[in-house]
PDB file of N, CA and C in Angstrom:
ATOM      1  N   MET A   1     -25.498 -15.318 -48.511  1.00  0.00           N
ATOM      2  CA  MET A   1     -25.034 -14.693 -47.985  1.00  0.00           C
ATOM      3  C   MET A   1     -25.039 -14.303 -46.536  1.00  0.00           C
ATOM      4  N   GLU A   2     -24.773 -14.759 -45.906  1.00  0.00           N
ATOM      5  CA  GLU A   2     -25.140 -14.776 -44.220  1.00  0.00           C
ATOM      6  C   GLU A   2     -25.340 -13.355 -43.558  1.00  0.00           C
ATOM      7  N   SER A   3     -26.239 -12.876 -42.859  1.00  0.00           N
ATOM      8  CA  SER A   3     -26.168 -11.634 -42.745  1.00  0.00           C
ATOM      9  C   SER A   3     -24.761 -10.591 -41.580  1.00  0.00           C
ATOM     10  N   ALA A   4     -24.882 -10.289 -41.490  1.00  0.00           N
ATOM     11  CA  ALA A   4     -23.029  -9.883 -40.581  1.00  0.00           C
ATOM     12  C   ALA A   4     -24.297  -9.127 -39.098  1.00  0.00           C
ATOM     13  N   VAL A   5     -25.553  -9.532 -39.214  1.00  0.00           N
ATOM     14  CA  VAL A   5     -26.391  -8.693 -37.945  1.00  0.00           C
ATOM     15  C   VAL A   5     -26.944 -10.401 -37.271  1.00  0.00           C
ATOM     16  N   PRO A   6     -26.218 -10.617 -36.399  1.00  0.00           N
ATOM     17  CA  PRO A   6     -26.702 -12.179 -35.468  1.00  0.00           C
ATOM     18  C   PRO A   6     -28.733 -12.487 -35.675  1.00  0.00           C
ATOM     19  N   ARG A   7     -28.932 -13.327 -35.548  1.00  0.00           N
ATOM     20  CA  ARG A   7     -29.907 -13.368 -35.287  1.00  0.00           C
ATOM     21  C   ARG A   7     -30.429 -13.761 -33.579  1.00  0.00           C
ATOM     22  N   VAL A   8     -32.011 -12.795 -33.113  1.00  0.00           N
ATOM     23  CA  VAL A   8     -31.743 -12.862 -31.858  1.00  0.00           C
ATOM     24  C   VAL A   8     -32.632 -13.862 -31.644  1.00  0.00           C
ATOM     25  N   LEU A   9     -31.734 -14.790 -30.181  1.00  0.00           N
ATOM     26  CA  LEU A   9     -32.602 -15.687 -29.699  1.00  0.00           C
ATOM     27  C   LEU A   9     -33.201 -15.385 -29.010  1.00  0.00           C
ATOM     28  N   LYS A  10     -34.902 -15.814 -28.645  1.00  0.00           N
ATOM     29  CA  LYS A  10     -36.039 -15.871 -27.464  1.00  0.00           C
ATOM     30  C   LYS A  10     -36.474 -17.306 -28.561  1.00  0.00           C
ATOM     31  N   THR A  11     -37.151 -16.759 -27.120  1.00  0.00           N
ATOM     32  CA  THR A  11     -38.623 -18.113 -26.730  1.00  0.00           C
ATOM     33  C   THR A  11     -39.831 -17.781 -27.203  1.00  0.00           C
ATOM     34  N   PRO A  12     -40.146 -18.492 -27.795  1.00  0.00           N
ATOM     35  CA  PRO A  12     -41.607 -17.918 -28.291  1.00  0.00           C
ATOM     36  C   PRO A  12     -42.846 -18.292 -27.310  1.00  0.00           C
ATOM     37  N   ILE A  13     -43.687 -17.429 -27.484  1.00  0.00           N
ATOM     38  CA  ILE A  13     -44.890 -17.255 -26.892  1.00  0.00           C
ATOM     39  C   ILE A  13     -46.032 -18.062 -26.857  1.00  0.00           C
ATOM     40  N   LEU A  14     -46.838 -18.899 -26.181  1.00  0.00           N
ATOM     41  CA  LEU A  14     -46.850 -20.123 -26.114  1.00  0.00           C
ATOM     42  C   LEU A  14     -48.411 -19.971 -25.446  1.00  0.00           C
ATOM     43  N   ALA A  15     -49.740 -20.408 -26.494  1.00  0.00           N
ATOM     44  CA  ALA A  15     -51.108 -21.232 -25.673  1.00  0.00           C
ATOM     45  C   ALA A  15     -51.093 -22.162 -25.497  1.00  0.00           C
ATOM     46  N   MET A  16     -51.642 -23.335 -24.560  1.00  0.00           N
ATOM     47  CA  MET A  16     -51.542 -24.731 -24.780  1.00  0.00           C
ATOM     48  C   MET A  16     -53.626 -24.768 -23.649  1.00  0.00           C
ATOM     49  N   TYR A  17     -54.241 -25.377 -24.673  1.00  0.00           N
ATOM     50  CA  TYR A  17     -55.853 -25.373 -24.262  1.00  0.00           C
ATOM     51  C   TYR A  17     -56.441 -26.775 -24.462  1.00  0.00           C
ATOM     52  N   HIS A  18     -57.373 -27.585 -23.682  1.00  0.00           N
ATOM     53  CA  HIS A  18     -57.625 -28.762 -24.649  1.00  0.00           C
ATOM     54  C   HIS A  18     -59.461 -28.688 -25.186  1.00  0.00           C
ATOM     55  N   ASP A  19     -59.487 -28.853 -25.908  1.00  0.00           N
ATOM     56  CA  ASP A  19     -61.158 -28.612 -25.863  1.00  0.00           C
ATOM     57  C   ASP A  19     -62.353 -29.500 -25.407  1.00  0.00           C
ATOM     58  N   ASP A  20     -63.567 -28.878 -25.199  1.00  0.00           N
ATOM     59  CA  ASP A  20     -64.492 -29.153 -23.969  1.00  0.00           C
ATOM     60  C   ASP A  20     -64.520 -30.768 -23.252  1.00  0.00           C
ATOM     61  N   LYS A  21     -64.229 -31.735 -24.463  1.00  0.00           N
ATOM     62  CA  LYS A  21     -64.162 -32.808 -24.119  1.00  0.00           C
ATOM     63  C   LYS A  21     -62.834 -34.178 -23.450  1.00  0.00           C
ATOM     64  N   HIS A  22     -62.216 -32.931 -23.229  1.00  0.00           N
ATOM     65  CA  HIS A  22     -60.846 -33.283 -23.376  1.00  0.00           C
ATOM     66  C   HIS A  22     -60.466 -34.736 -24.247  1.00  0.00           C
ATOM     67  N   GLN A  23     -60.694 -34.297 -25.039  1.00  0.00           N
ATOM     68  CA  GLN A  23     -60.157 -35.686 -26.496  1.00  0.00           C
ATOM     69  C   GLN A  23     -58.860 -35.107 -27.517  1.00  0.00           C
ATOM     70  N   TYR A  24     -58.606 -33.209 -27.529  1.00  0.00           N
ATOM     71  CA  TYR A  24     -57.501 -32.681 -28.415  1.00  0.00           C
ATOM     72  C   TYR A  24     -57.230 -31.308 -27.632  1.00  0.00           C
ATOM     73  N   LEU A  25     -55.276 -31.291 -27.484  1.00  0.00           N
ATOM     74  CA  LEU A  25     -54.841 -30.618 -27.349  1.00  0.00           C
ATOM     75  C   LEU A  25     -54.456 -29.907 -28.459  1.00  0.00           C
ATOM     76  N   THR A  26     -54.787 -28.212 -27.883  1.00  0.00           N
ATOM     77  CA  THR A  26     -53.912 -26.863 -29.128  1.00  0.00           C
ATOM     78  C   THR A  26     -53.215 -26.367 -28.588  1.00  0.00           C
ATOM     79  N   LEU A  27     -52.055 -26.350 -29.430  1.00  0.00           N
ATOM     80  CA  LEU A  27     -50.941 -25.434 -28.830  1.00  0.00           C
ATOM     81  C   LEU A  27     -51.120 -23.932 -29.541  1.00  0.00           C
ATOM     82  N   GLU A  28     -50.528 -23.074 -29.686  1.00  0.00           N
ATOM     83  CA  GLU A  28     -50.639 -21.836 -30.771  1.00  0.00           C
ATOM     84  C   GLU A  28     -49.422 -21.115 -30.494  1.00  0.00           C
ATOM     85  N   VAL A  29     -48.093 -21.287 -30.866  1.00  0.00           N
ATOM     86  CA  VAL A  29     -46.979 -20.562 -30.936  1.00  0.00           C
ATOM     87  C   VAL A  29     -47.172 -19.535 -31.721  1.00  0.00           C
ATOM     88  N   GLU A  30     -46.495 -18.314 -31.370  1.00  0.00           N
ATOM     89  CA  GLU A  30     -46.324 -17.302 -32.254  1.00  0.00           C
ATOM     90  C   GLU A  30     -44.948 -17.243 -32.863  1.00  0.00           C
ATOM     91  N   LEU A  31     -44.588 -17.099 -33.956  1.00  0.00           N
ATOM     92  CA  LEU A  31     -43.611 -16.953 -34.746  1.00  0.00           C
ATOM     93  C   LEU A  31     -43.943 -15.594 -36.013  1.00  0.00           C
ATOM     94  N   PRO A  32     -43.432 -14.407 -35.592  1.00  0.00           N
ATOM     95  CA  PRO A  32     -44.234 -13.443 -36.675  1.00  0.00           C
ATOM     96  C   PRO A  32     -42.602 -13.888 -37.048  1.00  0.00           C
ATOM     97  N   ASP A  33     -42.948 -13.104 -38.765  1.00  0.00           N
ATOM     98  CA  ASP A  33     -42.152 -13.003 -40.404  1.00  0.00           C
ATOM     99  C   ASP A  33     -41.974 -14.488 -40.263  1.00  0.00           C
ATOM    100  N   VAL A  34     -42.729 -15.285 -39.656  1.00  0.00           N
ATOM    101  CA  VAL A  34     -41.607 -17.042 -39.785  1.00  0.00           C
ATOM    102  C   VAL A  34     -42.191 -17.737 -41.152  1.00  0.00           C
ATOM    103  N   GLU A  35     -41.181 -18.381 -42.193  1.00  0.00           N
ATOM    104  CA  GLU A  35     -42.385 -19.138 -42.818  1.00  0.00           C
ATOM    105  C   GLU A  35     -41.990 -20.516 -42.286  1.00  0.00           C
ATOM    106  N   SER A  36     -43.037 -21.549 -42.962  1.00  0.00           N
ATOM    107  CA  SER A  36     -43.191 -22.881 -42.681  1.00  0.00           C
ATOM    108  C   SER A  36     -42.185 -23.641 -43.203  1.00  0.00           C
ATOM    109  N   GLU A  37     -41.673 -22.918 -44.027  1.00  0.00           N
ATOM    110  CA  GLU A  37     -39.864 -24.028 -44.087  1.00  0.00           C
ATOM    111  C   GLU A  37     -38.998 -23.585 -43.520  1.00  0.00           C
ATOM    112  N   ASN A  38     -39.044 -22.575 -42.581  1.00  0.00           N
ATOM    113  CA  ASN A  38     -38.306 -22.427 -41.827  1.00  0.00           C
ATOM    114  C   ASN A  38     -39.106 -22.931 -40.190  1.00  0.00           C
ATOM    115  N   ILE A  39     -39.702 -23.961 -40.108  1.00  0.00           N
ATOM    116  CA  ILE A  39     -39.826 -24.273 -38.657  1.00  0.00           C
ATOM    117  C   ILE A  39     -40.213 -25.888 -38.655  1.00  0.00           C
ATOM    118  N   THR A  40     -38.723 -26.574 -37.483  1.00  0.00           N
ATOM    119  CA  THR A  40     -38.514 -27.561 -37.367  1.00  0.00           C
ATOM    120  C   THR A  40     -39.904 -28.248 -35.978  1.00  0.00           C
ATOM    121  N   LEU A  41     -40.547 -29.175 -36.241  1.00  0.00           N
ATOM    122  CA  LEU A  41     -41.508 -29.108 -35.035  1.00  0.00           C
ATOM    123  C   LEU A  41     -41.274 -30.664 -34.898  1.00  0.00           C
ATOM    124  N   LEU A  42     -40.781 -30.854 -33.674  1.00  0.00           N
ATOM    125  CA  LEU A  42     -40.601 -33.001 -33.413  1.00  0.00           C
ATOM    126  C   LEU A  42     -41.610 -32.428 -31.622  1.00  0.00           C
ATOM    127  N   MET A  43     -42.312 -34.123 -32.062  1.00  0.00           N
ATOM    128  CA  MET A  43     -43.716 -34.277 -31.285  1.00  0.00           C
ATOM    129  C   MET A  43     -43.484 -35.260 -30.272  1.00  0.00           C
ATOM    130  N   HIS A  44     -43.225 -35.527 -28.997  1.00  0.00           N
ATOM    131  CA  HIS A  44     -42.947 -36.485 -28.305  1.00  0.00           C
ATOM    132  C   HIS A  44     -44.540 -36.879 -27.530  1.00  0.00           C
ATOM    133  N   GLU A  45     -44.676 -38.160 -27.021  1.00  0.00           N
ATOM    134  CA  GLU A  45     -45.004 -38.058 -25.926  1.00  0.00           C
ATOM    135  C   GLU A  45     -45.742 -37.224 -24.804  1.00  0.00           C
ATOM    136  N   ASN A  46     -44.900 -36.645 -24.032  1.00  0.00           N
ATOM    137  CA  ASN A  46     -45.399 -35.595 -22.986  1.00  0.00           C
ATOM    138  C   ASN A  46     -44.630 -34.599 -23.427  1.00  0.00           C
ATOM    139  N   SER A  47     -43.981 -34.220 -24.747  1.00  0.00           N
ATOM    140  CA  SER A  47     -43.465 -33.412 -25.061  1.00  0.00           C
ATOM    141  C   SER A  47     -43.006 -32.765 -26.387  1.00  0.00           C
ATOM    142  N   PHE A  48     -43.144 -31.415 -26.698  1.00  0.00           N
ATOM    143  CA  PHE A  48     -42.588 -30.975 -28.309  1.00  0.00           C
ATOM    144  C   PHE A  48     -41.504 -29.690 -27.979  1.00  0.00           C
ATOM    145  N   TYR A  49     -40.818 -30.275 -29.627  1.00  0.00           N
ATOM    146  CA  TYR A  49     -39.793 -29.471 -29.527  1.00  0.00           C
ATOM    147  C   TYR A  49     -39.741 -28.178 -31.098  1.00  0.00           C
ATOM    148  N   LEU A  50     -39.435 -27.454 -30.198  1.00  0.00           N
ATOM    149  CA  LEU A  50     -39.780 -25.830 -31.835  1.00  0.00           C
ATOM    150  C   LEU A  50     -38.486 -25.712 -31.807  1.00  0.00           C
ATOM    151  N   LYS A  51     -37.267 -25.246 -33.463  1.00  0.00           N
ATOM    152  CA  LYS A  51     -37.236 -24.569 -33.735  1.00  0.00           C
ATOM    153  C   LYS A  51     -37.411 -23.823 -34.911  1.00  0.00           C
ATOM    154  N   ALA A  52     -37.282 -22.308 -35.184  1.00  0.00           N
ATOM    155  CA  ALA A  52     -37.658 -21.542 -36.384  1.00  0.00           C
ATOM    156  C   ALA A  52     -36.806 -20.389 -36.310  1.00  0.00           C
ATOM    157  N   PHE A  53     -37.064 -19.465 -37.419  1.00  0.00           N
ATOM    158  CA  PHE A  53     -36.646 -18.390 -37.490  1.00  0.00           C
ATOM    159  C   PHE A  53     -36.432 -17.931 -38.875  1.00  0.00           C
ATOM    160  N   SER A  54     -36.759 -16.188 -38.704  1.00  0.00           N
ATOM    161  CA  SER A  54     -37.191 -15.296 -39.576  1.00  0.00           C
ATOM    162  C   SER A  54     -35.357 -14.834 -39.927  1.00  0.00           C
ATOM    163  N   LYS A  55     -35.653 -13.922 -40.786  1.00  0.00           N
ATOM    164  CA  LYS A  55     -35.012 -13.240 -41.040  1.00  0.00           C
ATOM    165  C   LYS A  55     -33.544 -12.427 -39.505  1.00  0.00           C
ATOM    166  N   ASN A  56     -33.938 -12.148 -38.422  1.00  0.00           N
ATOM    167  CA  ASN A  56     -33.819 -11.640 -37.185  1.00  0.00           C
ATOM    168  C   ASN A  56     -33.442 -11.954 -36.904  1.00  0.00           C
ATOM    169  N   VAL A  57     -34.744 -13.145 -36.432  1.00  0.00           N
ATOM    170  CA  VAL A  57     -34.727 -13.698 -35.183  1.00  0.00           C
ATOM    171  C   VAL A  57     -35.332 -15.470 -35.164  1.00  0.00           C
ATOM    172  N   GLU A  58     -34.014 -16.178 -34.299  1.00  0.00           N
ATOM    173  CA  GLU A  58     -34.676 -17.651 -34.252  1.00  0.00           C
ATOM    174  C   GLU A  58     -35.347 -17.674 -32.250  1.00  0.00           C
ATOM    175  N   TYR A  59     -36.376 -18.693 -33.239  1.00  0.00           N
ATOM    176  CA  TYR A  59     -37.163 -19.097 -31.841  1.00  0.00           C
ATOM    177  C   TYR A  59     -36.907 -20.892 -31.799  1.00  0.00           C
ATOM    178  N   LEU A  60     -36.403 -21.311 -30.556  1.00  0.00           N
ATOM    179  CA  LEU A  60     -36.740 -21.949 -30.064  1.00  0.00           C
ATOM    180  C   LEU A  60     -37.133 -22.949 -28.376  1.00  0.00           C
ATOM    181  N   GLY A  61     -36.829 -23.452 -28.140  1.00  0.00           N
ATOM    182  CA  GLY A  61     -37.892 -24.465 -27.528  1.00  0.00           C
ATOM    183  C   GLY A  61     -38.180 -25.719 -27.103  1.00  0.00           C
ATOM    184  N   SER A  62     -38.075 -26.177 -26.035  1.00  0.00           N
ATOM    185  CA  SER A  62     -39.005 -27.011 -25.369  1.00  0.00           C
ATOM    186  C   SER A  62     -39.731 -27.123 -24.480  1.00  0.00           C
ATOM    187  N   PHE A  63     -40.810 -28.075 -24.393  1.00  0.00           N
ATOM    188  CA  PHE A  63     -42.058 -27.782 -23.757  1.00  0.00           C
ATOM    189  C   PHE A  63     -42.718 -29.048 -23.504  1.00  0.00           C
ATOM    190  N   PHE A  64     -43.280 -28.670 -22.141  1.00  0.00           N
ATOM    191  CA  PHE A  64     -43.661 -29.575 -21.262  1.00  0.00           C
ATOM    192  C   PHE A  64     -45.470 -29.747 -21.508  1.00  0.00           C
ATOM    193  N   LEU A  65     -46.212 -31.155 -21.882  1.00  0.00           N
ATOM    194  CA  LEU A  65     -47.297 -31.319 -22.512  1.00  0.00           C
ATOM    195  C   LEU A  65     -48.763 -31.111 -20.966  1.00  0.00           C
ATOM    196  N   ASP A  66     -49.109 -30.900 -21.251  1.00  0.00           N
ATOM    197  CA  ASP A  66     -50.738 -31.744 -19.824  1.00  0.00           C
ATOM    198  C   ASP A  66     -50.711 -32.715 -19.787  1.00  0.00           C
ATOM    199  N   GLY A  67     -50.604 -33.263 -20.530  1.00  0.00           N
ATOM    200  CA  GLY A  67     -51.163 -34.876 -20.739  1.00  0.00           C
ATOM    201  C   GLY A  67     -50.386 -35.808 -21.887  1.00  0.00           C
ATOM    202  N   PRO A  68     -50.297 -37.341 -21.788  1.00  0.00           N
ATOM    203  CA  PRO A  68     -49.655 -37.845 -22.845  1.00  0.00           C
ATOM    204  C   PRO A  68     -50.833 -37.630 -24.344  1.00  0.00           C
ATOM    205  N   VAL A  69     -50.384 -37.535 -25.357  1.00  0.00           N
ATOM    206  CA  VAL A  69     -50.478 -37.092 -26.647  1.00  0.00           C
ATOM    207  C   VAL A  69     -50.496 -38.520 -27.689  1.00  0.00           C
ATOM    208  N   ASP A  70     -51.042 -38.288 -28.578  1.00  0.00           N
ATOM    209  CA  ASP A  70     -49.997 -39.249 -29.369  1.00  0.00           C
ATOM    210  C   ASP A  70     -49.786 -38.290 -30.787  1.00  0.00           C
ATOM    211  N   PRO A  71     -47.880 -38.742 -30.572  1.00  0.00           N
ATOM    212  CA  PRO A  71     -47.910 -37.511 -32.315  1.00  0.00           C
ATOM    213  C   PRO A  71     -47.651 -38.427 -33.319  1.00  0.00           C
ATOM    214  N   GLU A  72     -48.113 -39.478 -33.527  1.00  0.00           N
ATOM    215  CA  GLU A  72     -48.674 -39.885 -34.360  1.00  0.00           C
ATOM    216  C   GLU A  72     -49.729 -38.771 -35.435  1.00  0.00           C
ATOM    217  N   LYS A  73     -50.369 -38.879 -34.884  1.00  0.00           N
ATOM    218  CA  LYS A  73     -51.758 -37.892 -35.061  1.00  0.00           C
ATOM    219  C   LYS A  73     -51.469 -36.368 -35.158  1.00  0.00           C
ATOM    220  N   ALA A  74     -50.041 -35.723 -34.763  1.00  0.00           N
ATOM    221  CA  ALA A  74     -50.269 -34.532 -34.438  1.00  0.00           C
ATOM    222  C   ALA A  74     -50.652 -33.642 -35.945  1.00  0.00           C
ATOM    223  N   VAL A  75     -50.953 -32.439 -36.295  1.00  0.00           N
ATOM    224  CA  VAL A  75     -51.573 -31.664 -37.276  1.00  0.00           C
ATOM    225  C   VAL A  75     -50.671 -30.315 -36.990  1.00  0.00           C
ATOM    226  N   ALA A  76     -50.462 -29.432 -38.011  1.00  0.00           N
ATOM    227  CA  ALA A  76     -49.908 -28.722 -37.802  1.00  0.00           C
ATOM    228  C   ALA A  76     -49.979 -27.508 -38.894  1.00  0.00           C
ATOM    229  N   ALA A  77     -50.844 -26.149 -38.258  1.00  0.00           N
ATOM    230  CA  ALA A  77     -50.797 -25.126 -39.447  1.00  0.00           C
ATOM    231  C   ALA A  77     -49.457 -23.835 -39.629  1.00  0.00           C
ATOM    232  N   ASN A  78     -49.174 -23.642 -39.876  1.00  0.00           N
ATOM    233  CA  ASN A  78     -48.548 -22.381 -39.883  1.00  0.00           C
ATOM    234  C   ASN A  78     -49.623 -21.270 -40.635  1.00  0.00           C
ATOM    235  N   ASN A  79     -49.844 -19.934 -40.481  1.00  0.00           N
ATOM    236  CA  ASN A  79     -51.109 -19.100 -40.708  1.00  0.00           C
ATOM    237  C   ASN A  79     -50.819 -17.307 -40.114  1.00  0.00           C
ATOM    238  N   GLY A  80     -49.969 -17.251 -41.262  1.00  0.00           N
ATOM    239  CA  GLY A  80     -49.717 -15.882 -40.159  1.00  0.00           C
ATOM    240  C   GLY A  80     -48.484 -15.434 -39.208  1.00  0.00           C
ATOM    241  N   GLY A  81     -47.825 -16.465 -39.384  1.00  0.00           N
ATOM    242  CA  GLY A  81     -46.992 -16.330 -38.176  1.00  0.00           C
ATOM    243  C   GLY A  81     -47.659 -17.108 -37.259  1.00  0.00           C
ATOM    244  N   MET A  82     -48.414 -17.747 -36.787  1.00  0.00           N
ATOM    245  CA  MET A  82     -49.428 -19.006 -35.919  1.00  0.00           C
ATOM    246  C   MET A  82     -49.360 -19.438 -35.633  1.00  0.00           C
ATOM    247  N   LEU A  83     -48.379 -20.407 -35.373  1.00  0.00           N
ATOM    248  CA  LEU A  83     -48.329 -21.806 -35.371  1.00  0.00           C
ATOM    249  C   LEU A  83     -49.039 -23.258 -34.107  1.00  0.00           C
ATOM    250  N   THR A  84     -50.332 -23.269 -35.352  1.00  0.00           N
ATOM    251  CA  THR A  84     -50.984 -24.139 -34.921  1.00  0.00           C
ATOM    252  C   THR A  84     -51.493 -25.875 -34.294  1.00  0.00           C
ATOM    253  N   ILE A  85     -50.831 -26.818 -33.273  1.00  0.00           N
ATOM    254  CA  ILE A  85     -50.993 -27.227 -33.501  1.00  0.00           C
ATOM    255  C   ILE A  85     -51.940 -28.457 -33.006  1.00  0.00           C
ATOM    256  N   LYS A  86     -52.584 -29.503 -32.996  1.00  0.00           N
ATOM    257  CA  LYS A  86     -53.917 -29.335 -32.884  1.00  0.00           C
ATOM    258  C   LYS A  86     -53.070 -31.609 -32.559  1.00  0.00           C
ATOM    259  N   VAL A  87     -53.188 -31.993 -31.613  1.00  0.00           N
ATOM    260  CA  VAL A  87     -53.108 -33.576 -31.388  1.00  0.00           C
ATOM    261  C   VAL A  87     -53.480 -34.186 -30.475  1.00  0.00           C
ATOM    262  N   PRO A  88     -54.558 -35.493 -31.015  1.00  0.00           N
ATOM    263  CA  PRO A  88     -55.248 -36.442 -29.901  1.00  0.00           C
ATOM    264  C   PRO A  88     -54.375 -36.507 -28.132  1.00  0.00           C
ATOM    265  N   TYR A  89     -55.107 -36.852 -26.955  1.00  0.00           N
ATOM    266  CA  TYR A  89     -55.083 -37.411 -26.410  1.00  0.00           C
ATOM    267  C   TYR A  89     -54.775 -39.134 -26.606  1.00  0.00           C
ATOM    268  N   LYS A  90     -54.022 -39.516 -25.881  1.00  0.00           N
ATOM    269  CA  LYS A  90     -53.334 -41.107 -26.013  1.00  0.00           C
ATOM    270  C   LYS A  90     -54.709 -41.541 -25.041  1.00  0.00           C
ATOM    271  N   GLU A  91     -55.195 -40.982 -23.597  1.00  0.00           N
ATOM    272  CA  GLU A  91     -55.798 -40.978 -22.103  1.00  0.00           C
ATOM    273  C   GLU A  91     -56.737 -39.778 -22.056  1.00  0.00           C
ATOM    274  N   ASP A  92     -58.132 -40.071 -21.489  1.00  0.00           N
ATOM    275  CA  ASP A  92     -59.186 -39.420 -20.514  1.00  0.00           C
ATOM    276  C   ASP A  92     -58.203 -38.443 -19.707  1.00  0.00           C
ATOM    277  N   PHE A  93     -58.342 -37.957 -19.092  1.00  0.00           N
ATOM    278  CA  PHE A  93     -57.798 -36.499 -17.986  1.00  0.00           C
ATOM    279  C   PHE A  93     -58.236 -37.305 -17.020  1.00  0.00           C
ATOM    280  N   MET A  94     -57.815 -38.942 -16.736  1.00  0.00           N
ATOM    281  CA  MET A  94     -58.316 -39.205 -15.563  1.00  0.00           C
ATOM    282  C   MET A  94     -57.703 -39.248 -14.323  1.00  0.00           C
ATOM    283  N   CYS A  95     -56.676 -38.515 -14.229  1.00  0.00           N
ATOM    284  CA  CYS A  95     -55.607 -38.308 -13.336  1.00  0.00           C
ATOM    285  C   CYS A  95     -56.085 -36.682 -12.848  1.00  0.00           C
ATOM    286  N   ALA A  96     -56.272 -36.142 -13.201  1.00  0.00           N
ATOM    287  CA  ALA A  96     -57.166 -34.410 -13.263  1.00  0.00           C
ATOM    288  C   ALA A  96     -58.366 -34.445 -12.698  1.00  0.00           C
ATOM    289  N   ARG A  97     -58.390 -33.014 -11.509  1.00  0.00           N
ATOM    290  CA  ARG A  97     -58.972 -32.237 -10.403  1.00  0.00           C
ATOM    291  C   ARG A  97     -58.972 -31.063 -10.607  1.00  0.00           C
ATOM    292  N   TYR A  98     -60.040 -30.821 -10.821  1.00  0.00           N
ATOM    293  CA  TYR A  98     -60.353 -29.069 -10.538  1.00  0.00           C
ATOM    294  C   TYR A  98     -60.154 -29.060  -9.312  1.00  0.00           C
ATOM    295  N   VAL A  99     -59.553 -28.134  -8.738  1.00  0.00           N
ATOM    296  CA  VAL A  99     -59.472 -26.883  -7.725  1.00  0.00           C
ATOM    297  C   VAL A  99     -59.704 -26.243  -7.582  1.00  0.00           C
ATOM    298  N   GLN A 100     -60.681 -25.269  -6.860  1.00  0.00           N
ATOM    299  CA  GLN A 100     -61.428 -24.381  -5.963  1.00  0.00           C
ATOM    300  C   GLN A 100     -60.908 -23.046  -5.881  1.00  0.00           C
ATOM    301  N   ILE A 101     -60.853 -22.425  -6.382  1.00  0.00           N
ATOM    302  CA  ILE A 101     -59.859 -21.058  -6.069  1.00  0.00           C
ATOM    303  C   ILE A 101     -60.679 -20.760  -5.001  1.00  0.00           C
ATOM    304  N   GLU A 102     -60.264 -19.964  -3.754  1.00  0.00           N
ATOM    305  CA  GLU A 102     -60.665 -19.582  -2.600  1.00  0.00           C
ATOM    306  C   GLU A 102     -60.566 -17.613  -2.537  1.00  0.00           C
TER     307      GLU A 102
END
């Protein structure tokens, strides 16, 4: 039976960072109270799509990545409402450069 109270639609909070050798991209997505079976994750080379829900909240978002990754090698784990995705880059950061902050 469906709840009489509709779910609140939210964009999840996301942290995205690479390792020191620029080989892997890690994504951390906050999904409080969401069980693993209620998460849909689609990885693309330059983006990912996420849909997840708990009893009262539905999380939905599509996000660009900072470089091309290999979606076939992505791994994901949901631990206590924190979805962690680790995926290798297809290439090194050949076109990236550090920018000095004044």
